[in-house]
């Protein structure tokens, strides 16, 4: 008897938790490398500690991380979010001046 996937209580809409999926049920659905993991806007909002509506507004205004459109769904690659965060890093002027003067 095959184990039934459980619903992740953190999400609405009946999403299946990755731990509940077996390799026999969906061999190609769960990527082995976490850099290939796709996040929805709920997960991105949780990671960035921002509201989901702010994530959506940033995307519409072209200020958010790169995204993938899968049909009408929006997904974010974890690796793209990491690169976007690194490129968004700002160095305070006092610290930059001290580093340049040495």
C-alpha atoms as a PDB file:
ATOM      1  CA  UNK A   1       0.000   0.000   0.000  1.00  0.00           C
ATOM      2  CA  UNK A   2       1.417   3.348  -1.055  1.00  0.00           C
ATOM      3  CA  UNK A   3       1.574   6.142   1.537  1.00  0.00           C
ATOM      4  CA  UNK A   4      -0.707   9.080   0.837  1.00  0.00           C
ATOM      5  CA  UNK A   5       0.999  12.530   0.659  1.00  0.00           C
ATOM      6  CA  UNK A   6       0.151  14.809   3.575  1.00  0.00           C
ATOM      7  CA  UNK A   7      -0.998  18.385   3.222  1.00  0.00           C
ATOM      8  CA  UNK A   8       1.411  21.012   4.500  1.00  0.00           C
ATOM      9  CA  UNK A   9      -0.609  22.995   7.100  1.00  0.00           C
ATOM     10  CA  UNK A  10       1.431  26.183   6.499  1.00  0.00           C
ATOM     11  CA  UNK A  11      -0.072  26.641   3.049  1.00  0.00           C
ATOM     12  CA  UNK A  12      -3.585  27.001   1.827  1.00  0.00           C
ATOM     13  CA  UNK A  13      -4.666  25.229  -1.303  1.00  0.00           C
ATOM     14  CA  UNK A  14      -3.667  21.701  -0.343  1.00  0.00           C
ATOM     15  CA  UNK A  15       0.031  21.802  -1.171  1.00  0.00           C
ATOM     16  CA  UNK A  16       1.905  18.592  -0.575  1.00  0.00           C
ATOM     17  CA  UNK A  17       4.921  18.713   1.696  1.00  0.00           C
ATOM     18  CA  UNK A  18       8.141  17.566  -0.024  1.00  0.00           C
ATOM     19  CA  UNK A  19       8.845  15.077   2.781  1.00  0.00           C
ATOM     20  CA  UNK A  20       5.557  13.337   2.055  1.00  0.00           C
ATOM     21  CA  UNK A  21       6.419  12.668  -1.577  1.00  0.00           C
ATOM     22  CA  UNK A  22       8.108   9.356  -2.289  1.00  0.00           C
ATOM     23  CA  UNK A  23      10.533   8.790  -5.124  1.00  0.00           C
ATOM     24  CA  UNK A  24       8.162   6.187  -6.561  1.00  0.00           C
ATOM     25  CA  UNK A  25       5.258   8.661  -6.610  1.00  0.00           C
ATOM     26  CA  UNK A  26       7.060  11.549  -8.339  1.00  0.00           C
ATOM     27  CA  UNK A  27      10.694  10.891  -9.308  1.00  0.00           C
ATOM     28  CA  UNK A  28      11.228  14.126 -11.278  1.00  0.00           C
ATOM     29  CA  UNK A  29       9.179  16.547  -9.191  1.00  0.00           C
ATOM     30  CA  UNK A  30      11.480  17.070  -6.195  1.00  0.00           C
ATOM     31  CA  UNK A  31      14.923  18.289  -7.338  1.00  0.00           C
ATOM     32  CA  UNK A  32      17.949  16.778  -5.632  1.00  0.00           C
ATOM     33  CA  UNK A  33      19.868  20.059  -5.624  1.00  0.00           C
ATOM     34  CA  UNK A  34      18.314  22.795  -3.467  1.00  0.00           C
ATOM     35  CA  UNK A  35      19.528  25.431  -5.959  1.00  0.00           C
ATOM     36  CA  UNK A  36      16.976  24.007  -8.392  1.00  0.00           C
ATOM     37  CA  UNK A  37      14.147  24.426  -5.863  1.00  0.00           C
ATOM     38  CA  UNK A  38      11.308  26.683  -7.004  1.00  0.00           C
ATOM     39  CA  UNK A  39       9.587  28.911  -4.453  1.00  0.00           C
ATOM     40  CA  UNK A  40       6.142  30.469  -4.708  1.00  0.00           C
ATOM     41  CA  UNK A  41       5.451  33.981  -3.440  1.00  0.00           C
ATOM     42  CA  UNK A  42       4.397  32.665  -0.010  1.00  0.00           C
ATOM     43  CA  UNK A  43       7.754  30.949   0.472  1.00  0.00           C
ATOM     44  CA  UNK A  44       9.715  33.932  -0.854  1.00  0.00           C
ATOM     45  CA  UNK A  45       7.837  36.260   1.484  1.00  0.00           C
ATOM     46  CA  UNK A  46       8.696  33.972   4.403  1.00  0.00           C
ATOM     47  CA  UNK A  47      12.395  33.851   3.453  1.00  0.00           C
ATOM     48  CA  UNK A  48      12.659  37.622   2.924  1.00  0.00           C
ATOM     49  CA  UNK A  49      10.421  38.409   5.922  1.00  0.00           C
ATOM     50  CA  UNK A  50       8.187  40.621   3.787  1.00  0.00           C
ATOM     51  CA  UNK A  51       4.493  40.503   3.054  1.00  0.00           C
ATOM     52  CA  UNK A  52       3.236  38.564   0.083  1.00  0.00           C
ATOM     53  CA  UNK A  53       1.610  41.708  -1.319  1.00  0.00           C
ATOM     54  CA  UNK A  54       4.955  43.566  -1.140  1.00  0.00           C
ATOM     55  CA  UNK A  55       6.626  40.697  -3.039  1.00  0.00           C
ATOM     56  CA  UNK A  56       3.922  40.926  -5.716  1.00  0.00           C
ATOM     57  CA  UNK A  57       4.182  44.739  -5.960  1.00  0.00           C
ATOM     58  CA  UNK A  58       7.984  44.546  -6.248  1.00  0.00           C
ATOM     59  CA  UNK A  59       7.619  42.012  -9.067  1.00  0.00           C
ATOM     60  CA  UNK A  60       5.156  44.229 -10.951  1.00  0.00           C
ATOM     61  CA  UNK A  61       7.423  47.265 -10.503  1.00  0.00           C
ATOM     62  CA  UNK A  62      10.520  45.339 -11.665  1.00  0.00           C
ATOM     63  CA  UNK A  63      12.299  45.580  -8.301  1.00  0.00           C
ATOM     64  CA  UNK A  64      12.098  42.002  -7.083  1.00  0.00           C
ATOM     65  CA  UNK A  65      14.216  38.952  -7.829  1.00  0.00           C
ATOM     66  CA  UNK A  66      14.030  37.251 -11.240  1.00  0.00           C
ATOM     67  CA  UNK A  67      11.007  34.982 -11.576  1.00  0.00           C
ATOM     68  CA  UNK A  68       9.688  32.199 -13.763  1.00  0.00           C
ATOM     69  CA  UNK A  69       6.178  32.113 -15.128  1.00  0.00           C
ATOM     70  CA  UNK A  70       4.782  28.573 -15.354  1.00  0.00           C
ATOM     71  CA  UNK A  71       1.453  29.071 -17.059  1.00  0.00           C
ATOM     72  CA  UNK A  72      -0.194  31.597 -14.757  1.00  0.00           C
ATOM     73  CA  UNK A  73       1.914  30.613 -11.745  1.00  0.00           C
ATOM     74  CA  UNK A  74       4.916  32.643 -10.598  1.00  0.00           C
ATOM     75  CA  UNK A  75       7.934  30.810  -9.202  1.00  0.00           C
ATOM     76  CA  UNK A  76      11.371  31.880  -7.984  1.00  0.00           C
ATOM     77  CA  UNK A  77      14.600  29.862  -8.184  1.00  0.00           C
ATOM     78  CA  UNK A  78      16.417  29.787  -4.851  1.00  0.00           C
ATOM     79  CA  UNK A  79      19.742  30.359  -6.656  1.00  0.00           C
ATOM     80  CA  UNK A  80      18.332  33.442  -8.457  1.00  0.00           C
ATOM     81  CA  UNK A  81      17.094  34.864  -5.152  1.00  0.00           C
ATOM     82  CA  UNK A  82      20.568  34.368  -3.612  1.00  0.00           C
ATOM     83  CA  UNK A  83      22.242  36.183  -6.536  1.00  0.00           C
ATOM     84  CA  UNK A  84      19.651  38.990  -6.374  1.00  0.00           C
ATOM     85  CA  UNK A  85      20.252  39.425  -2.637  1.00  0.00           C
ATOM     86  CA  UNK A  86      24.036  39.619  -3.166  1.00  0.00           C
ATOM     87  CA  UNK A  87      23.614  42.208  -5.928  1.00  0.00           C
ATOM     88  CA  UNK A  88      21.302  44.233  -3.668  1.00  0.00           C
ATOM     89  CA  UNK A  89      23.897  44.515  -0.900  1.00  0.00           C
ATOM     90  CA  UNK A  90      24.847  48.116  -0.143  1.00  0.00           C
ATOM     91  CA  UNK A  91      27.999  49.221   1.642  1.00  0.00           C
ATOM     92  CA  UNK A  92      27.589  52.261   3.923  1.00  0.00           C
ATOM     93  CA  UNK A  93      29.539  55.324   2.675  1.00  0.00           C
ATOM     94  CA  UNK A  94      31.699  55.594   5.807  1.00  0.00           C
ATOM     95  CA  UNK A  95      32.753  51.967   5.496  1.00  0.00           C
ATOM     96  CA  UNK A  96      33.447  52.324   1.756  1.00  0.00           C
ATOM     97  CA  UNK A  97      35.557  55.469   2.365  1.00  0.00           C
ATOM     98  CA  UNK A  98      37.574  53.702   5.072  1.00  0.00           C
ATOM     99  CA  UNK A  99      38.232  50.729   2.799  1.00  0.00           C
ATOM    100  CA  UNK A 100      39.236  52.996  -0.119  1.00  0.00           C
ATOM    101  CA  UNK A 101      41.606  55.103   1.979  1.00  0.00           C
ATOM    102  CA  UNK A 102      43.747  52.191   3.133  1.00  0.00           C
END
